[in-house]
C-alpha atoms as a PDB file:
ATOM      1  CA  MET A   1    -206.204 -65.224-187.303  1.00  0.00           C
ATOM      2  CA  LYS A   2    -204.184 -63.884-190.206  1.00  0.00           C
ATOM      3  CA  VAL A   3    -200.981 -65.792-190.857  1.00  0.00           C
ATOM      4  CA  SER A   4    -198.112 -63.636-192.080  1.00  0.00           C
ATOM      5  CA  GLN A   5    -196.615 -64.583-195.426  1.00  0.00           C
ATOM      6  CA  GLN A   6    -193.048 -65.889-195.427  1.00  0.00           C
ATOM      7  CA  ILE A   7    -190.561 -64.038-197.612  1.00  0.00           C
ATOM      8  CA  GLU A   8    -187.615 -65.881-199.142  1.00  0.00           C
ATOM      9  CA  LEU A   9    -184.336 -64.066-199.724  1.00  0.00           C
ATOM     10  CA  THR A  10    -180.606 -64.633-199.495  1.00  0.00           C
ATOM     11  CA  ILE A  11    -178.245 -62.972-197.029  1.00  0.00           C
ATOM     12  CA  ASP A  12    -174.545 -63.436-197.729  1.00  0.00           C
ATOM     13  CA  GLY A  13    -175.398 -66.444-199.869  1.00  0.00           C
ATOM     14  CA  ARG A  14    -177.627 -68.091-197.267  1.00  0.00           C
ATOM     15  CA  ASN A  15    -181.253 -68.893-198.063  1.00  0.00           C
ATOM     16  CA  VAL A  16    -183.470 -67.217-195.478  1.00  0.00           C
ATOM     17  CA  ARG A  17    -187.223 -67.215-194.778  1.00  0.00           C
ATOM     18  CA  VAL A  18    -188.688 -64.421-192.651  1.00  0.00           C
ATOM     19  CA  PRO A  19    -192.197 -63.050-192.038  1.00  0.00           C
ATOM     20  CA  GLU A  20    -193.501 -60.333-194.347  1.00  0.00           C
ATOM     21  CA  GLY A  21    -192.686 -56.875-192.999  1.00  0.00           C
ATOM     22  CA  THR A  22    -189.338 -57.908-191.515  1.00  0.00           C
ATOM     23  CA  THR A  23    -186.529 -55.423-192.014  1.00  0.00           C
ATOM     24  CA  ILE A  24    -183.140 -56.448-193.371  1.00  0.00           C
ATOM     25  CA  LEU A  25    -181.605 -55.682-189.981  1.00  0.00           C
ATOM     26  CA  GLN A  26    -184.064 -57.960-188.198  1.00  0.00           C
ATOM     27  CA  ALA A  27    -183.433 -60.710-190.739  1.00  0.00           C
ATOM     28  CA  CYS A  28    -179.665 -60.338-190.320  1.00  0.00           C
ATOM     29  CA  ARG A  29    -179.851 -60.493-186.549  1.00  0.00           C
ATOM     30  CA  ALA A  30    -182.082 -63.551-186.737  1.00  0.00           C
ATOM     31  CA  GLN A  31    -179.235 -65.202-188.645  1.00  0.00           C
ATOM     32  CA  GLY A  32    -176.665 -64.110-186.077  1.00  0.00           C
ATOM     33  CA  ILE A  33    -175.120 -61.507-188.394  1.00  0.00           C
ATOM     34  CA  ASP A  34    -173.848 -58.613-186.281  1.00  0.00           C
ATOM     35  CA  THR A  35    -174.847 -55.506-188.212  1.00  0.00           C
ATOM     36  CA  PRO A  36    -173.627 -52.253-186.609  1.00  0.00           C
ATOM     37  CA  THR A  37    -176.099 -49.494-185.742  1.00  0.00           C
ATOM     38  CA  LEU A  38    -175.890 -46.116-184.048  1.00  0.00           C
ATOM     39  CA  CYS A  39    -179.284 -44.466-184.529  1.00  0.00           C
ATOM     40  CA  TYR A  40    -181.367 -47.645-184.308  1.00  0.00           C
ATOM     41  CA  LEU A  41    -183.090 -48.911-181.178  1.00  0.00           C
ATOM     42  CA  GLU A  42    -185.766 -51.595-181.003  1.00  0.00           C
ATOM     43  CA  THR A  43    -188.089 -49.326-179.007  1.00  0.00           C
ATOM     44  CA  LEU A  44    -187.808 -46.335-181.367  1.00  0.00           C
ATOM     45  CA  THR A  45    -188.896 -45.620-184.940  1.00  0.00           C
ATOM     46  CA  PRO A  46    -185.980 -45.981-187.405  1.00  0.00           C
ATOM     47  CA  VAL A  47    -184.812 -42.584-188.668  1.00  0.00           C
ATOM     48  CA  ASN A  48    -182.036 -43.682-191.065  1.00  0.00           C
ATOM     49  CA  VAL A  49    -179.561 -40.968-190.091  1.00  0.00           C
ATOM     50  CA  CYS A  50    -176.341 -42.729-189.074  1.00  0.00           C
ATOM     51  CA  ARG A  51    -175.945 -44.889-192.215  1.00  0.00           C
ATOM     52  CA  VAL A  52    -173.705 -47.339-190.345  1.00  0.00           C
ATOM     53  CA  CYS A  53    -176.101 -50.256-190.907  1.00  0.00           C
ATOM     54  CA  VAL A  54    -176.031 -49.956-194.720  1.00  0.00           C
ATOM     55  CA  VAL A  55    -175.861 -53.162-196.754  1.00  0.00           C
ATOM     56  CA  GLU A  56    -175.574 -53.960-200.442  1.00  0.00           C
ATOM     57  CA  VAL A  57    -178.691 -55.204-202.240  1.00  0.00           C
ATOM     58  CA  GLU A  58    -178.285 -56.627-205.731  1.00  0.00           C
ATOM     59  CA  GLY A  59    -180.008 -54.390-208.267  1.00  0.00           C
ATOM     60  CA  SER A  60    -179.919 -51.341-206.008  1.00  0.00           C
ATOM     61  CA  ARG A  61    -177.775 -48.417-207.154  1.00  0.00           C
ATOM     62  CA  ALA A  62    -177.023 -47.206-203.640  1.00  0.00           C
ATOM     63  CA  LEU A  63    -176.353 -48.948-200.350  1.00  0.00           C
ATOM     64  CA  VAL A  64    -179.560 -49.285-198.325  1.00  0.00           C
ATOM     65  CA  PRO A  65    -180.182 -48.819-194.589  1.00  0.00           C
ATOM     66  CA  ALA A  66    -180.840 -52.231-193.087  1.00  0.00           C
ATOM     67  CA  CYS A  67    -182.753 -50.790-190.120  1.00  0.00           C
ATOM     68  CA  SER A  68    -185.691 -49.584-192.208  1.00  0.00           C
ATOM     69  CA  ARG A  69    -185.580 -51.383-195.557  1.00  0.00           C
ATOM     70  CA  VAL A  70    -188.183 -54.156-195.571  1.00  0.00           C
ATOM     71  CA  VAL A  71    -187.221 -57.456-197.152  1.00  0.00           C
ATOM     72  CA  GLU A  72    -188.657 -58.378-200.543  1.00  0.00           C
ATOM     73  CA  PRO A  73    -189.065 -61.726-202.307  1.00  0.00           C
ATOM     74  CA  ARG A  74    -185.825 -63.011-203.914  1.00  0.00           C
ATOM     75  CA  MET A  75    -183.847 -60.092-202.502  1.00  0.00           C
ATOM     76  CA  ALA A  76    -180.098 -60.757-202.403  1.00  0.00           C
ATOM     77  CA  VAL A  77    -178.370 -58.984-199.520  1.00  0.00           C
ATOM     78  CA  HIS A  78    -174.624 -58.676-198.905  1.00  0.00           C
ATOM     79  CA  THR A  79    -173.570 -57.380-195.501  1.00  0.00           C
ATOM     80  CA  ASP A  80    -169.774 -57.511-195.612  1.00  0.00           C
ATOM     81  CA  THR A  81    -168.569 -56.506-199.079  1.00  0.00           C
ATOM     82  CA  GLU A  82    -165.674 -54.087-199.507  1.00  0.00           C
ATOM     83  CA  ARG A  83    -168.128 -51.393-200.554  1.00  0.00           C
ATOM     84  CA  VAL A  84    -170.126 -51.874-197.331  1.00  0.00           C
ATOM     85  CA  ARG A  85    -167.029 -51.946-195.138  1.00  0.00           C
ATOM     86  CA  HIS A  86    -165.633 -48.820-196.810  1.00  0.00           C
ATOM     87  CA  SER A  87    -168.885 -46.924-196.274  1.00  0.00           C
ATOM     88  CA  ARG A  88    -169.148 -47.920-192.612  1.00  0.00           C
ATOM     89  CA  ARG A  89    -165.513 -47.077-191.965  1.00  0.00           C
ATOM     90  CA  LEU A  90    -165.885 -43.655-193.593  1.00  0.00           C
ATOM     91  CA  VAL A  91    -168.979 -42.765-191.549  1.00  0.00           C
ATOM     92  CA  LEU A  92    -167.292 -43.780-188.301  1.00  0.00           C
ATOM     93  CA  GLU A  93    -164.134 -41.870-189.210  1.00  0.00           C
ATOM     94  CA  LEU A  94    -166.089 -38.697-189.948  1.00  0.00           C
ATOM     95  CA  LEU A  95    -167.937 -38.983-186.639  1.00  0.00           C
ATOM     96  CA  ALA A  96    -164.836 -39.762-184.601  1.00  0.00           C
ATOM     97  CA  SER A  97    -162.941 -36.860-186.178  1.00  0.00           C
ATOM     98  CA  SER A  98    -165.639 -34.312-185.383  1.00  0.00           C
ATOM     99  CA  VAL A  99    -166.963 -35.203-181.903  1.00  0.00           C
ATOM    100  CA  ASN A 100    -165.576 -36.709-178.711  1.00  0.00           C
ATOM    101  CA  LEU A 101    -166.371 -40.442-178.611  1.00  0.00           C
ATOM    102  CA  SER A 102    -164.272 -41.277-175.564  1.00  0.00           C
ATOM    103  CA  LEU A 103    -167.381 -42.093-173.496  1.00  0.00           C
ATOM    104  CA  ALA A 104    -169.294 -43.824-176.288  1.00  0.00           C
ATOM    105  CA  SER A 105    -170.734 -47.275-175.643  1.00  0.00           C
ATOM    106  CA  ALA A 106    -168.577 -50.380-175.899  1.00  0.00           C
ATOM    107  CA  ASP A 107    -170.396 -51.268-179.116  1.00  0.00           C
ATOM    108  CA  VAL A 108    -169.266 -48.032-180.784  1.00  0.00           C
ATOM    109  CA  HIS A 109    -165.621 -48.673-179.881  1.00  0.00           C
ATOM    110  CA  ALA A 110    -165.935 -52.268-181.089  1.00  0.00           C
ATOM    111  CA  TYR A 111    -167.249 -51.037-184.462  1.00  0.00           C
ATOM    112  CA  MET A 112    -164.335 -48.637-184.791  1.00  0.00           C
ATOM    113  CA  GLU A 113    -161.857 -51.422-184.131  1.00  0.00           C
ATOM    114  CA  ARG A 114    -163.623 -53.847-186.465  1.00  0.00           C
ATOM    115  CA  TYR A 115    -163.486 -51.468-189.425  1.00  0.00           C
ATOM    116  CA  GLY A 116    -160.015 -50.076-188.772  1.00  0.00           C
ATOM    117  CA  VAL A 117    -161.233 -46.529-188.179  1.00  0.00           C
ATOM    118  CA  LYS A 118    -158.575 -43.807-188.444  1.00  0.00           C
ATOM    119  CA  PRO A 119    -160.239 -40.488-187.557  1.00  0.00           C
ATOM    120  CA  GLU A 120    -156.934 -38.627-187.918  1.00  0.00           C
ATOM    121  CA  ARG A 121    -157.425 -38.870-191.703  1.00  0.00           C
ATOM    122  CA  PHE A 122    -159.878 -35.963-191.381  1.00  0.00           C
ATOM    123  CA  GLY A 123    -158.997 -32.618-189.876  1.00  0.00           C
ATOM    124  CA  GLY A 124    -155.384 -33.512-189.295  1.00  0.00           C
ATOM    125  CA  GLY A 125    -155.843 -34.197-185.589  1.00  0.00           C
ATOM    126  CA  SER A 126    -158.072 -35.482-182.827  1.00  0.00           C
ATOM    127  CA  ALA A 127    -161.761 -34.765-182.400  1.00  0.00           C
ATOM    128  CA  ALA A 128    -160.877 -32.421-179.537  1.00  0.00           C
ATOM    129  CA  GLU A 129    -159.676 -29.915-182.140  1.00  0.00           C
ATOM    130  CA  SER A 130    -163.011 -29.707-183.968  1.00  0.00           C
ATOM    131  CA  ALA A 131    -165.523 -26.917-183.453  1.00  0.00           C
ATOM    132  CA  ALA A 132    -168.228 -29.370-182.399  1.00  0.00           C
ATOM    133  CA  ALA A 133    -166.046 -30.911-179.706  1.00  0.00           C
ATOM    134  CA  ALA A 134    -164.963 -27.500-178.407  1.00  0.00           C
ATOM    135  CA  GLN A 135    -168.398 -26.413-177.184  1.00  0.00           C
ATOM    136  CA  PRO A 136    -168.871 -26.425-173.392  1.00  0.00           C
ATOM    137  CA  ALA A 137    -171.329 -28.680-171.598  1.00  0.00           C
ATOM    138  CA  LYS A 138    -174.757 -27.223-170.816  1.00  0.00           C
ATOM    139  CA  ILE A 139    -175.257 -27.387-167.022  1.00  0.00           C
ATOM    140  CA  ASP A 140    -178.512 -25.623-166.231  1.00  0.00           C
ATOM    141  CA  ASN A 141    -180.234 -28.009-163.829  1.00  0.00           C
ATOM    142  CA  GLU A 142    -179.404 -30.441-161.021  1.00  0.00           C
ATOM    143  CA  LEU A 143    -180.538 -33.638-162.747  1.00  0.00           C
ATOM    144  CA  TYR A 144    -178.649 -34.076-166.005  1.00  0.00           C
ATOM    145  CA  VAL A 145    -176.022 -32.493-168.212  1.00  0.00           C
ATOM    146  CA  ARG A 146    -176.075 -31.955-171.988  1.00  0.00           C
ATOM    147  CA  ASP A 147    -172.593 -32.200-173.461  1.00  0.00           C
ATOM    148  CA  TYR A 148    -173.093 -31.779-177.199  1.00  0.00           C
ATOM    149  CA  SER A 149    -169.362 -32.035-177.861  1.00  0.00           C
ATOM    150  CA  ARG A 150    -170.128 -35.773-177.739  1.00  0.00           C
ATOM    151  CA  CYS A 151    -173.318 -35.693-179.839  1.00  0.00           C
ATOM    152  CA  ILE A 152    -173.369 -37.662-183.114  1.00  0.00           C
ATOM    153  CA  LEU A 153    -176.894 -36.511-184.054  1.00  0.00           C
ATOM    154  CA  CYS A 154    -178.351 -40.008-183.932  1.00  0.00           C
ATOM    155  CA  TYR A 155    -181.745 -38.414-183.054  1.00  0.00           C
ATOM    156  CA  LYS A 156    -182.512 -41.103-180.446  1.00  0.00           C
ATOM    157  CA  CYS A 157    -183.118 -38.476-177.775  1.00  0.00           C
ATOM    158  CA  VAL A 158    -185.529 -36.611-180.052  1.00  0.00           C
ATOM    159  CA  GLU A 159    -187.457 -39.813-180.761  1.00  0.00           C
ATOM    160  CA  ALA A 160    -187.611 -40.761-177.062  1.00  0.00           C
ATOM    161  CA  CYS A 161    -188.817 -37.265-176.145  1.00  0.00           C
ATOM    162  CA  GLY A 162    -191.415 -37.366-178.921  1.00  0.00           C
ATOM    163  CA  ALA A 163    -194.128 -39.730-180.110  1.00  0.00           C
ATOM    164  CA  ASP A 164    -192.188 -42.935-179.493  1.00  0.00           C
ATOM    165  CA  ALA A 165    -192.150 -42.542-175.711  1.00  0.00           C
ATOM    166  CA  GLN A 166    -192.695 -39.373-173.729  1.00  0.00           C
ATOM    167  CA  ASN A 167    -194.734 -37.175-176.137  1.00  0.00           C
ATOM    168  CA  THR A 168    -193.218 -34.066-174.577  1.00  0.00           C
ATOM    169  CA  PHE A 169    -191.399 -32.748-177.684  1.00  0.00           C
ATOM    170  CA  ALA A 170    -189.073 -30.616-175.559  1.00  0.00           C
ATOM    171  CA  ILE A 171    -186.152 -31.120-177.963  1.00  0.00           C
ATOM    172  CA  ALA A 172    -185.845 -31.285-181.719  1.00  0.00           C
ATOM    173  CA  VAL A 173    -183.313 -31.003-184.517  1.00  0.00           C
ATOM    174  CA  ALA A 174    -182.427 -27.394-185.292  1.00  0.00           C
ATOM    175  CA  GLY A 175    -180.217 -25.731-187.883  1.00  0.00           C
ATOM    176  CA  ARG A 176    -178.852 -27.043-191.166  1.00  0.00           C
ATOM    177  CA  GLY A 177    -175.583 -28.399-192.456  1.00  0.00           C
ATOM    178  CA  PHE A 178    -172.694 -27.954-190.026  1.00  0.00           C
ATOM    179  CA  ASP A 179    -175.018 -25.967-187.755  1.00  0.00           C
ATOM    180  CA  THR A 180    -177.363 -28.928-187.248  1.00  0.00           C
ATOM    181  CA  ARG A 181    -177.853 -29.583-183.542  1.00  0.00           C
ATOM    182  CA  ILE A 182    -180.245 -30.873-180.898  1.00  0.00           C
ATOM    183  CA  SER A 183    -182.015 -27.956-179.273  1.00  0.00           C
ATOM    184  CA  THR A 184    -184.847 -26.951-176.980  1.00  0.00           C
ATOM    185  CA  GLU A 185    -187.460 -24.570-178.321  1.00  0.00           C
ATOM    186  CA  SER A 186    -185.730 -21.275-179.230  1.00  0.00           C
ATOM    187  CA  ASP A 187    -182.581 -22.734-177.648  1.00  0.00           C
ATOM    188  CA  CYS A 188    -183.855 -21.824-174.187  1.00  0.00           C
ATOM    189  CA  ALA A 189    -182.415 -23.292-170.990  1.00  0.00           C
ATOM    190  CA  LEU A 190    -183.802 -26.671-169.995  1.00  0.00           C
ATOM    191  CA  PRO A 191    -185.743 -25.368-166.951  1.00  0.00           C
ATOM    192  CA  GLN A 192    -187.590 -22.937-169.233  1.00  0.00           C
ATOM    193  CA  SER A 193    -188.365 -25.604-171.840  1.00  0.00           C
ATOM    194  CA  ALA A 194    -191.129 -28.192-172.037  1.00  0.00           C
ATOM    195  CA  CYS A 195    -188.809 -30.823-170.513  1.00  0.00           C
ATOM    196  CA  VAL A 196    -190.417 -32.936-167.764  1.00  0.00           C
ATOM    197  CA  TYR A 197    -187.076 -34.473-166.703  1.00  0.00           C
ATOM    198  CA  CYS A 198    -188.054 -38.057-167.412  1.00  0.00           C
ATOM    199  CA  GLY A 199    -184.460 -38.706-168.468  1.00  0.00           C
ATOM    200  CA  ASN A 200    -185.485 -41.062-171.268  1.00  0.00           C
ATOM    201  CA  CYS A 201    -183.112 -39.186-173.557  1.00  0.00           C
ATOM    202  CA  ILE A 202    -180.254 -40.237-171.263  1.00  0.00           C
ATOM    203  CA  GLY A 203    -181.345 -43.859-171.468  1.00  0.00           C
ATOM    204  CA  VAL A 204    -180.993 -43.978-175.262  1.00  0.00           C
ATOM    205  CA  CYS A 205    -177.891 -41.796-175.775  1.00  0.00           C
ATOM    206  CA  PRO A 206    -174.993 -43.948-177.074  1.00  0.00           C
ATOM    207  CA  THR A 207    -172.138 -41.476-176.607  1.00  0.00           C
ATOM    208  CA  GLY A 208    -172.446 -39.842-173.172  1.00  0.00           C
ATOM    209  CA  ALA A 209    -173.703 -36.560-174.607  1.00  0.00           C
ATOM    210  CA  LEU A 210    -176.565 -36.786-172.114  1.00  0.00           C
ATOM    211  CA  MET A 211    -175.528 -37.775-168.612  1.00  0.00           C
ATOM    212  CA  PHE A 212    -176.746 -37.827-165.020  1.00  0.00           C
ATOM    213  CA  LYS A 213    -175.421 -34.803-163.129  1.00  0.00           C
ATOM    214  CA  SER A 214    -174.218 -37.226-160.465  1.00  0.00           C
ATOM    215  CA  GLU A 215    -172.160 -39.152-163.025  1.00  0.00           C
ATOM    216  CA  TYR A 216    -170.847 -35.962-164.625  1.00  0.00           C
ATOM    217  CA  ASP A 217    -169.627 -34.605-161.284  1.00  0.00           C
ATOM    218  CA  MET A 218    -168.011 -37.902-160.309  1.00  0.00           C
ATOM    219  CA  ARG A 219    -166.207 -38.169-163.647  1.00  0.00           C
ATOM    220  CA  ARG A 220    -164.938 -34.608-163.344  1.00  0.00           C
ATOM    221  CA  GLU A 221    -163.631 -35.367-159.840  1.00  0.00           C
ATOM    222  CA  GLY A 222    -162.070 -38.641-160.971  1.00  0.00           C
ATOM    223  CA  ARG A 223    -164.306 -40.755-158.714  1.00  0.00           C
ATOM    224  CA  TRP A 224    -166.397 -42.541-161.372  1.00  0.00           C
ATOM    225  CA  ASP A 225    -165.341 -46.200-161.541  1.00  0.00           C
ATOM    226  CA  GLU A 226    -167.670 -48.675-163.239  1.00  0.00           C
ATOM    227  CA  SER A 227    -165.448 -51.578-162.175  1.00  0.00           C
ATOM    228  CA  ARG A 228    -166.533 -50.871-158.586  1.00  0.00           C
ATOM    229  CA  GLN A 229    -170.217 -50.554-159.430  1.00  0.00           C
ATOM    230  CA  THR A 230    -172.943 -53.131-158.986  1.00  0.00           C
ATOM    231  CA  VAL A 231    -176.311 -53.180-160.771  1.00  0.00           C
ATOM    232  CA  THR A 232    -179.395 -54.270-158.844  1.00  0.00           C
ATOM    233  CA  ASP A 233    -182.928 -54.631-160.230  1.00  0.00           C
ATOM    234  CA  THR A 234    -185.808 -53.414-158.113  1.00  0.00           C
ATOM    235  CA  ILE A 235    -189.338 -52.059-158.552  1.00  0.00           C
ATOM    236  CA  CYS A 236    -190.007 -48.334-158.449  1.00  0.00           C
ATOM    237  CA  PRO A 237    -191.790 -47.504-155.144  1.00  0.00           C
ATOM    238  CA  TYR A 238    -193.680 -44.435-156.309  1.00  0.00           C
ATOM    239  CA  CYS A 239    -196.793 -45.821-158.015  1.00  0.00           C
ATOM    240  CA  GLY A 240    -198.538 -49.037-159.011  1.00  0.00           C
ATOM    241  CA  VAL A 241    -197.298 -49.230-162.616  1.00  0.00           C
ATOM    242  CA  GLY A 242    -194.459 -51.507-161.566  1.00  0.00           C
ATOM    243  CA  CYS A 243    -191.505 -50.121-163.508  1.00  0.00           C
ATOM    244  CA  THR A 244    -188.257 -52.038-163.124  1.00  0.00           C
ATOM    245  CA  LEU A 245    -185.285 -49.940-162.053  1.00  0.00           C
ATOM    246  CA  GLU A 246    -181.632 -50.824-162.562  1.00  0.00           C
ATOM    247  CA  LEU A 247    -179.768 -49.238-159.673  1.00  0.00           C
ATOM    248  CA  HIS A 248    -176.110 -48.536-160.391  1.00  0.00           C
ATOM    249  CA  VAL A 249    -174.394 -48.431-157.014  1.00  0.00           C
ATOM    250  CA  GLN A 250    -170.851 -47.348-156.162  1.00  0.00           C
ATOM    251  CA  ASP A 251    -169.460 -47.110-152.617  1.00  0.00           C
ATOM    252  CA  ASN A 252    -172.894 -48.011-151.248  1.00  0.00           C
ATOM    253  CA  ARG A 253    -174.531 -45.046-152.980  1.00  0.00           C
ATOM    254  CA  ILE A 254    -176.843 -44.964-155.989  1.00  0.00           C
ATOM    255  CA  VAL A 255    -175.107 -43.056-158.782  1.00  0.00           C
ATOM    256  CA  ARG A 256    -177.603 -43.507-161.622  1.00  0.00           C
ATOM    257  CA  VAL A 257    -180.820 -45.340-162.462  1.00  0.00           C
ATOM    258  CA  MET A 258    -181.690 -47.001-165.765  1.00  0.00           C
ATOM    259  CA  SER A 259    -184.381 -49.459-166.888  1.00  0.00           C
ATOM    260  CA  PRO A 260    -184.070 -52.564-169.098  1.00  0.00           C
ATOM    261  CA  MET A 261    -185.010 -52.092-172.752  1.00  0.00           C
ATOM    262  CA  ASP A 262    -186.668 -55.514-172.915  1.00  0.00           C
ATOM    263  CA  HIS A 263    -189.002 -54.894-169.971  1.00  0.00           C
ATOM    264  CA  ASP A 264    -192.669 -55.281-170.964  1.00  0.00           C
ATOM    265  CA  ILE A 265    -193.773 -52.242-168.981  1.00  0.00           C
ATOM    266  CA  THR A 266    -190.989 -49.683-169.249  1.00  0.00           C
ATOM    267  CA  ARG A 267    -189.231 -50.639-172.500  1.00  0.00           C
ATOM    268  CA  GLY A 268    -186.318 -48.689-171.047  1.00  0.00           C
ATOM    269  CA  HIS A 269    -188.375 -45.589-170.219  1.00  0.00           C
ATOM    270  CA  LEU A 270    -189.125 -44.049-166.826  1.00  0.00           C
ATOM    271  CA  CYS A 271    -190.650 -40.890-165.351  1.00  0.00           C
ATOM    272  CA  ILE A 272    -188.853 -38.238-163.300  1.00  0.00           C
ATOM    273  CA  LYS A 273    -189.576 -40.041-160.027  1.00  0.00           C
ATOM    274  CA  GLY A 274    -188.218 -43.389-161.153  1.00  0.00           C
ATOM    275  CA  ARG A 275    -185.192 -41.899-162.936  1.00  0.00           C
ATOM    276  CA  PHE A 276    -184.126 -39.232-160.447  1.00  0.00           C
ATOM    277  CA  GLY A 277    -186.151 -39.624-157.255  1.00  0.00           C
ATOM    278  CA  TRP A 278    -183.780 -41.872-155.343  1.00  0.00           C
ATOM    279  CA  GLN A 279    -181.857 -39.385-153.172  1.00  0.00           C
ATOM    280  CA  PHE A 280    -184.140 -40.127-150.214  1.00  0.00           C
ATOM    281  CA  VAL A 281    -182.413 -43.514-149.924  1.00  0.00           C
ATOM    282  CA  HIS A 282    -179.285 -41.762-148.668  1.00  0.00           C
ATOM    283  CA  ASN A 283    -181.050 -39.513-146.151  1.00  0.00           C
ATOM    284  CA  ARG A 284    -180.751 -41.671-143.041  1.00  0.00           C
END
């Protein structure tokens, strides 16, 4: 059995030894260093688009993305210099000033607080005034809603729909510059696209741009209340694969279904039956 070579480097002045092939992000997390990420997920291929995880490497002209840069012998990494903090703050400010992050994950809001983000520095007002945030939600099916006014173009949904999980390739990145967007083929409606409604794009979205139709309707009616919800693990009843489901229940009704990212079988992914086929529970 081949034994991986150990690489020695320093992170914030600490001597560290990690296996060959380890990324800077993995090395940082192994040391308990909380490095922010938006486009990174353990189950997806790093795409280096958000640039929030950048760190300073001695000898490197530019800041490097920690999620994909592999450690090298005698590398000296700095994760919290003023240059790093300024870059992360600027990226978060640009995002928060251009799209609606009100439903973003708790991690995103924690990053914004940590780096003192002030999105009003750009555009002179709130994200609601931007062209990106002004676009209406796409409601063309009964299972999930696409609200691209909340999209930060992290590409996680594209990766989950593609070779990393579903291999459906129903969505991709379209356009250039300010017109860059996530789109179906020829921008057709979801029912006319290659989408198989697995909902894996919902499972990886960090901002609420992709959302269960049930959750969207409840939020619009003012009935969505996560403080009243419970989460129960169970096994999907549809086939013998054994996918674990996380049932989010409010007022004794299932309101959405997710799956744990660290599960050996699902790795956070499900099919249409596991993700959306739970309405029969309420038909008594």
